[in-house]
Amino acid sequence: MTNNDILRRLRYALDISNPGMIEIFKISGCNIEQPTLIKFLKKEDEDDYIECSNPLMTFFLDGLIVQKRGKRETAEGQAVKPGAELTNNTILKKLRIALDFKEEDMIATMKLADIVLSKSELSALFRNKGHKNFKECGDQFLRNFLKGLTIRYRNTNPLED
């Protein structure tokens, strides 16, 4: 999945307006103008399409976390970890944090997309890459999670629209 596709699907699923998207970027310290945002939301074959880079997608996801959950308080002297490589697993983790989803919420959201998932299968997606039980999150899994989010928040199946 491309970052642009993820942005479009999240925007629809969470019903975020253009000014809302711009605000989410701004919260994380990235100023995006509306014409640029519109180019991010275009499909690859459309004129003026601009690819949303991994750093820009990270800004959006971090801004979404701050918007939904509030700014993270760090203890004095505690260093903030640098951003991890942006993979489907990282995107899924950031969405889970932003939406304050527990295991049951994640499983229920996947079930809305007709995907049955056990707790151990889910926890494997959130393990560190070197862990023996780590499982890579594929594009199809992320696509189904975003579909489940759409059904959950908009009470509609995106394929029916």
C-alpha atoms as a PDB file:
ATOM      1  CA  MET A   1       0.000   0.000   0.000  1.00  0.00           C
ATOM      2  CA  THR A   2       1.219   3.480  -0.705  1.00  0.00           C
ATOM      3  CA  ASN A   3       1.261   6.176   1.949  1.00  0.00           C
ATOM      4  CA  ASN A   4      -1.125   8.186  -0.236  1.00  0.00           C
ATOM      5  CA  ASP A   5      -3.604   5.305  -0.256  1.00  0.00           C
ATOM      6  CA  ILE A   6      -3.376   5.009   3.528  1.00  0.00           C
ATOM      7  CA  LEU A   7      -3.937   8.779   3.898  1.00  0.00           C
ATOM      8  CA  ARG A   8      -7.024   8.641   1.656  1.00  0.00           C
ATOM      9  CA  ARG A   9      -8.476   5.646   3.487  1.00  0.00           C
ATOM     10  CA  LEU A  10      -7.820   7.121   6.944  1.00  0.00           C
ATOM     11  CA  ARG A  11      -9.294  10.458   5.892  1.00  0.00           C
ATOM     12  CA  TYR A  12     -12.470   8.698   4.757  1.00  0.00           C
ATOM     13  CA  ALA A  13     -12.698   6.213   7.645  1.00  0.00           C
ATOM     14  CA  LEU A  14     -12.218   8.845  10.350  1.00  0.00           C
ATOM     15  CA  ASP A  15     -14.188  11.517   8.413  1.00  0.00           C
ATOM     16  CA  ILE A  16     -11.387  14.100   8.518  1.00  0.00           C
ATOM     17  CA  SER A  17     -11.829  17.309   6.496  1.00  0.00           C
ATOM     18  CA  ASN A  18      -9.009  18.977   4.529  1.00  0.00           C
ATOM     19  CA  PRO A  19      -8.523  21.627   7.260  1.00  0.00           C
ATOM     20  CA  GLY A  20      -8.521  18.776   9.806  1.00  0.00           C
ATOM     21  CA  MET A  21      -5.792  16.949   7.850  1.00  0.00           C
ATOM     22  CA  ILE A  22      -3.720  20.142   7.636  1.00  0.00           C
ATOM     23  CA  GLU A  23      -4.140  20.638  11.399  1.00  0.00           C
ATOM     24  CA  ILE A  24      -2.989  17.065  12.114  1.00  0.00           C
ATOM     25  CA  PHE A  25       0.196  17.661  10.092  1.00  0.00           C
ATOM     26  CA  LYS A  26       0.697  21.012  11.858  1.00  0.00           C
ATOM     27  CA  ILE A  27       0.369  19.442  15.339  1.00  0.00           C
ATOM     28  CA  SER A  28       3.436  17.331  14.622  1.00  0.00           C
ATOM     29  CA  GLY A  29       5.427  20.287  13.305  1.00  0.00           C
ATOM     30  CA  CYS A  30       4.868  19.871   9.570  1.00  0.00           C
ATOM     31  CA  ASN A  31       3.217  22.701   7.647  1.00  0.00           C
ATOM     32  CA  ILE A  32       1.313  21.437   4.629  1.00  0.00           C
ATOM     33  CA  GLU A  33      -0.675  23.802   2.401  1.00  0.00           C
ATOM     34  CA  GLN A  34      -4.087  22.769   1.066  1.00  0.00           C
ATOM     35  CA  PRO A  35      -2.953  22.502  -2.602  1.00  0.00           C
ATOM     36  CA  THR A  36      -0.184  20.105  -1.534  1.00  0.00           C
ATOM     37  CA  LEU A  37      -2.605  18.051   0.572  1.00  0.00           C
ATOM     38  CA  ILE A  38      -4.983  17.749  -2.383  1.00  0.00           C
ATOM     39  CA  LYS A  39      -2.088  16.435  -4.492  1.00  0.00           C
ATOM     40  CA  PHE A  40      -1.349  13.818  -1.786  1.00  0.00           C
ATOM     41  CA  LEU A  41      -4.982  12.693  -1.851  1.00  0.00           C
ATOM     42  CA  LYS A  42      -5.038  12.179  -5.631  1.00  0.00           C
ATOM     43  CA  LYS A  43      -4.627   8.738  -7.156  1.00  0.00           C
ATOM     44  CA  GLU A  44      -1.343   7.815  -8.825  1.00  0.00           C
ATOM     45  CA  ASP A  45      -2.675   8.158 -12.364  1.00  0.00           C
ATOM     46  CA  GLU A  46      -4.142  11.651 -11.828  1.00  0.00           C
ATOM     47  CA  ASP A  47      -2.424  14.884 -12.851  1.00  0.00           C
ATOM     48  CA  ASP A  48      -0.417  16.715 -10.159  1.00  0.00           C
ATOM     49  CA  TYR A  49      -0.185  13.590  -7.960  1.00  0.00           C
ATOM     50  CA  ILE A  50       2.565  13.913  -5.343  1.00  0.00           C
ATOM     51  CA  GLU A  51       3.876  10.869  -3.468  1.00  0.00           C
ATOM     52  CA  CYS A  52       3.588  11.101   0.321  1.00  0.00           C
ATOM     53  CA  SER A  53       7.020  10.189   1.684  1.00  0.00           C
ATOM     54  CA  ASN A  54       7.622   8.070   4.807  1.00  0.00           C
ATOM     55  CA  PRO A  55       8.692  11.114   6.873  1.00  0.00           C
ATOM     56  CA  LEU A  56       5.498  12.982   5.894  1.00  0.00           C
ATOM     57  CA  MET A  57       3.361   9.936   6.725  1.00  0.00           C
ATOM     58  CA  THR A  58       5.117   9.723  10.095  1.00  0.00           C
ATOM     59  CA  PHE A  59       4.301  13.402  10.733  1.00  0.00           C
ATOM     60  CA  PHE A  60       0.647  12.681   9.967  1.00  0.00           C
ATOM     61  CA  LEU A  61       0.442   9.599  12.193  1.00  0.00           C
ATOM     62  CA  ASP A  62       2.262  11.338  15.060  1.00  0.00           C
ATOM     63  CA  GLY A  63      -0.059  14.336  14.703  1.00  0.00           C
ATOM     64  CA  LEU A  64      -3.068  12.006  14.769  1.00  0.00           C
ATOM     65  CA  ILE A  65      -1.800  10.476  18.014  1.00  0.00           C
ATOM     66  CA  VAL A  66      -1.375  13.911  19.611  1.00  0.00           C
ATOM     67  CA  GLN A  67      -4.780  15.069  18.354  1.00  0.00           C
ATOM     68  CA  LYS A  68      -6.613  11.987  19.645  1.00  0.00           C
ATOM     69  CA  ARG A  69      -4.639  11.268  22.832  1.00  0.00           C
ATOM     70  CA  GLY A  70      -2.855  14.481  23.778  1.00  0.00           C
ATOM     71  CA  LYS A  71       0.825  15.322  23.918  1.00  0.00           C
ATOM     72  CA  ARG A  72       3.032  12.691  25.531  1.00  0.00           C
ATOM     73  CA  GLU A  73       4.604  13.758  28.795  1.00  0.00           C
ATOM     74  CA  THR A  74       8.238  12.727  29.105  1.00  0.00           C
ATOM     75  CA  ALA A  75       9.998  12.647  32.436  1.00  0.00           C
ATOM     76  CA  GLU A  76      12.795  15.153  32.918  1.00  0.00           C
ATOM     77  CA  GLY A  77      16.040  13.763  31.546  1.00  0.00           C
ATOM     78  CA  GLN A  78      14.224  11.019  29.628  1.00  0.00           C
ATOM     79  CA  ALA A  79      15.163  10.979  25.966  1.00  0.00           C
ATOM     80  CA  VAL A  80      12.515  10.711  23.281  1.00  0.00           C
ATOM     81  CA  LYS A  81      13.207   7.736  21.009  1.00  0.00           C
ATOM     82  CA  PRO A  82      13.893   8.579  17.382  1.00  0.00           C
ATOM     83  CA  GLY A  83      11.229   7.543  14.889  1.00  0.00           C
ATOM     84  CA  ALA A  84      11.330   3.947  13.752  1.00  0.00           C
ATOM     85  CA  GLU A  85      11.411   2.852  10.140  1.00  0.00           C
ATOM     86  CA  LEU A  86       7.917   3.239   8.683  1.00  0.00           C
ATOM     87  CA  THR A  87       6.531  -0.225   7.967  1.00  0.00           C
ATOM     88  CA  ASN A  88       2.980  -1.544   7.934  1.00  0.00           C
ATOM     89  CA  ASN A  89       3.630  -2.802  11.485  1.00  0.00           C
ATOM     90  CA  THR A  90       4.642   0.707  12.591  1.00  0.00           C
ATOM     91  CA  ILE A  91       1.592   2.248  10.912  1.00  0.00           C
ATOM     92  CA  LEU A  92      -0.679  -0.293  12.613  1.00  0.00           C
ATOM     93  CA  LYS A  93       0.994   0.443  15.979  1.00  0.00           C
ATOM     94  CA  LYS A  94       0.581   4.195  15.582  1.00  0.00           C
ATOM     95  CA  LEU A  95      -3.078   3.794  14.608  1.00  0.00           C
ATOM     96  CA  ARG A  96      -3.658   1.558  17.606  1.00  0.00           C
ATOM     97  CA  ILE A  97      -2.143   4.204  19.887  1.00  0.00           C
ATOM     98  CA  ALA A  98      -4.007   7.097  18.255  1.00  0.00           C
ATOM     99  CA  LEU A  99      -7.370   5.349  18.488  1.00  0.00           C
ATOM    100  CA  ASP A 100      -6.647   4.009  21.989  1.00  0.00           C
ATOM    101  CA  PHE A 101      -7.506   0.492  20.828  1.00  0.00           C
ATOM    102  CA  LYS A 102      -7.085  -2.483  23.130  1.00  0.00           C
ATOM    103  CA  GLU A 103      -6.658  -6.056  21.862  1.00  0.00           C
ATOM    104  CA  GLU A 104     -10.402  -6.574  21.810  1.00  0.00           C
ATOM    105  CA  ASP A 105     -10.938  -3.396  19.747  1.00  0.00           C
ATOM    106  CA  MET A 106      -8.366  -4.504  17.175  1.00  0.00           C
ATOM    107  CA  ILE A 107      -9.884  -7.977  16.893  1.00  0.00           C
ATOM    108  CA  ALA A 108     -13.424  -6.559  16.641  1.00  0.00           C
ATOM    109  CA  THR A 109     -12.330  -4.099  13.933  1.00  0.00           C
ATOM    110  CA  MET A 110     -10.759  -6.904  11.911  1.00  0.00           C
ATOM    111  CA  LYS A 111     -13.898  -9.004  12.369  1.00  0.00           C
ATOM    112  CA  LEU A 112     -15.922  -6.176  10.772  1.00  0.00           C
ATOM    113  CA  ALA A 113     -13.738  -6.722   7.688  1.00  0.00           C
ATOM    114  CA  ASP A 114     -14.483 -10.478   7.886  1.00  0.00           C
ATOM    115  CA  ILE A 115     -11.010 -11.348   9.213  1.00  0.00           C
ATOM    116  CA  VAL A 116     -10.846 -13.697  12.190  1.00  0.00           C
ATOM    117  CA  LEU A 117      -7.759 -13.052  14.270  1.00  0.00           C
ATOM    118  CA  SER A 118      -6.518 -14.601  17.511  1.00  0.00           C
ATOM    119  CA  LYS A 119      -4.862 -12.628  20.309  1.00  0.00           C
ATOM    120  CA  SER A 120      -1.535 -14.364  19.679  1.00  0.00           C
ATOM    121  CA  GLU A 121      -1.683 -13.557  15.945  1.00  0.00           C
ATOM    122  CA  LEU A 122      -2.394  -9.927  16.815  1.00  0.00           C
ATOM    123  CA  SER A 123       0.377  -9.653  19.403  1.00  0.00           C
ATOM    124  CA  ALA A 124       2.884 -11.045  16.863  1.00  0.00           C
ATOM    125  CA  LEU A 125       2.278  -7.916  14.746  1.00  0.00           C
ATOM    126  CA  PHE A 126       3.323  -5.651  17.624  1.00  0.00           C
ATOM    127  CA  ARG A 127       6.506  -7.487  18.606  1.00  0.00           C
ATOM    128  CA  ASN A 128       9.980  -6.157  17.846  1.00  0.00           C
ATOM    129  CA  LYS A 129      11.364  -7.209  14.471  1.00  0.00           C
ATOM    130  CA  GLY A 130      14.049  -9.471  15.990  1.00  0.00           C
ATOM    131  CA  HIS A 131      11.613 -11.359  18.261  1.00  0.00           C
ATOM    132  CA  LYS A 132      11.060 -15.026  17.365  1.00  0.00           C
ATOM    133  CA  ASN A 133       7.265 -14.557  17.224  1.00  0.00           C
ATOM    134  CA  PHE A 134       7.353 -11.336  15.158  1.00  0.00           C
ATOM    135  CA  LYS A 135       5.014 -11.354  12.167  1.00  0.00           C
ATOM    136  CA  GLU A 136       5.224  -8.842   9.347  1.00  0.00           C
ATOM    137  CA  CYS A 137       2.022  -6.912   8.638  1.00  0.00           C
ATOM    138  CA  GLY A 138       1.197  -7.304   4.980  1.00  0.00           C
ATOM    139  CA  ASP A 139      -0.566  -4.800   2.746  1.00  0.00           C
ATOM    140  CA  GLN A 140      -3.727  -6.911   2.661  1.00  0.00           C
ATOM    141  CA  PHE A 141      -3.916  -7.032   6.463  1.00  0.00           C
ATOM    142  CA  LEU A 142      -3.502  -3.248   6.734  1.00  0.00           C
ATOM    143  CA  ARG A 143      -6.066  -2.752   3.953  1.00  0.00           C
ATOM    144  CA  ASN A 144      -8.546  -4.945   5.850  1.00  0.00           C
ATOM    145  CA  PHE A 145      -7.875  -3.064   9.101  1.00  0.00           C
ATOM    146  CA  LEU A 146      -8.623   0.240   7.362  1.00  0.00           C
ATOM    147  CA  LYS A 147     -11.774  -1.319   5.888  1.00  0.00           C
ATOM    148  CA  GLY A 148     -12.806  -2.402   9.399  1.00  0.00           C
ATOM    149  CA  LEU A 149     -12.166   1.147  10.661  1.00  0.00           C
ATOM    150  CA  THR A 150     -14.413   2.523   7.932  1.00  0.00           C
ATOM    151  CA  ILE A 151     -17.217   0.159   8.890  1.00  0.00           C
ATOM    152  CA  ARG A 152     -16.704   0.917  12.584  1.00  0.00           C
ATOM    153  CA  TYR A 153     -16.607   4.724  12.337  1.00  0.00           C
ATOM    154  CA  ARG A 154     -18.792   5.409   9.319  1.00  0.00           C
ATOM    155  CA  ASN A 155     -21.099   2.409   9.651  1.00  0.00           C
ATOM    156  CA  THR A 156     -20.587   1.620   5.987  1.00  0.00           C
ATOM    157  CA  ASN A 157     -18.634  -0.838   3.906  1.00  0.00           C
ATOM    158  CA  PRO A 158     -16.213   1.075   1.637  1.00  0.00           C
ATOM    159  CA  LEU A 159     -16.735  -1.445  -1.175  1.00  0.00           C
ATOM    160  CA  GLU A 160     -20.461  -0.696  -1.227  1.00  0.00           C
ATOM    161  CA  ASP A 161     -19.941   3.051  -1.843  1.00  0.00           C
END
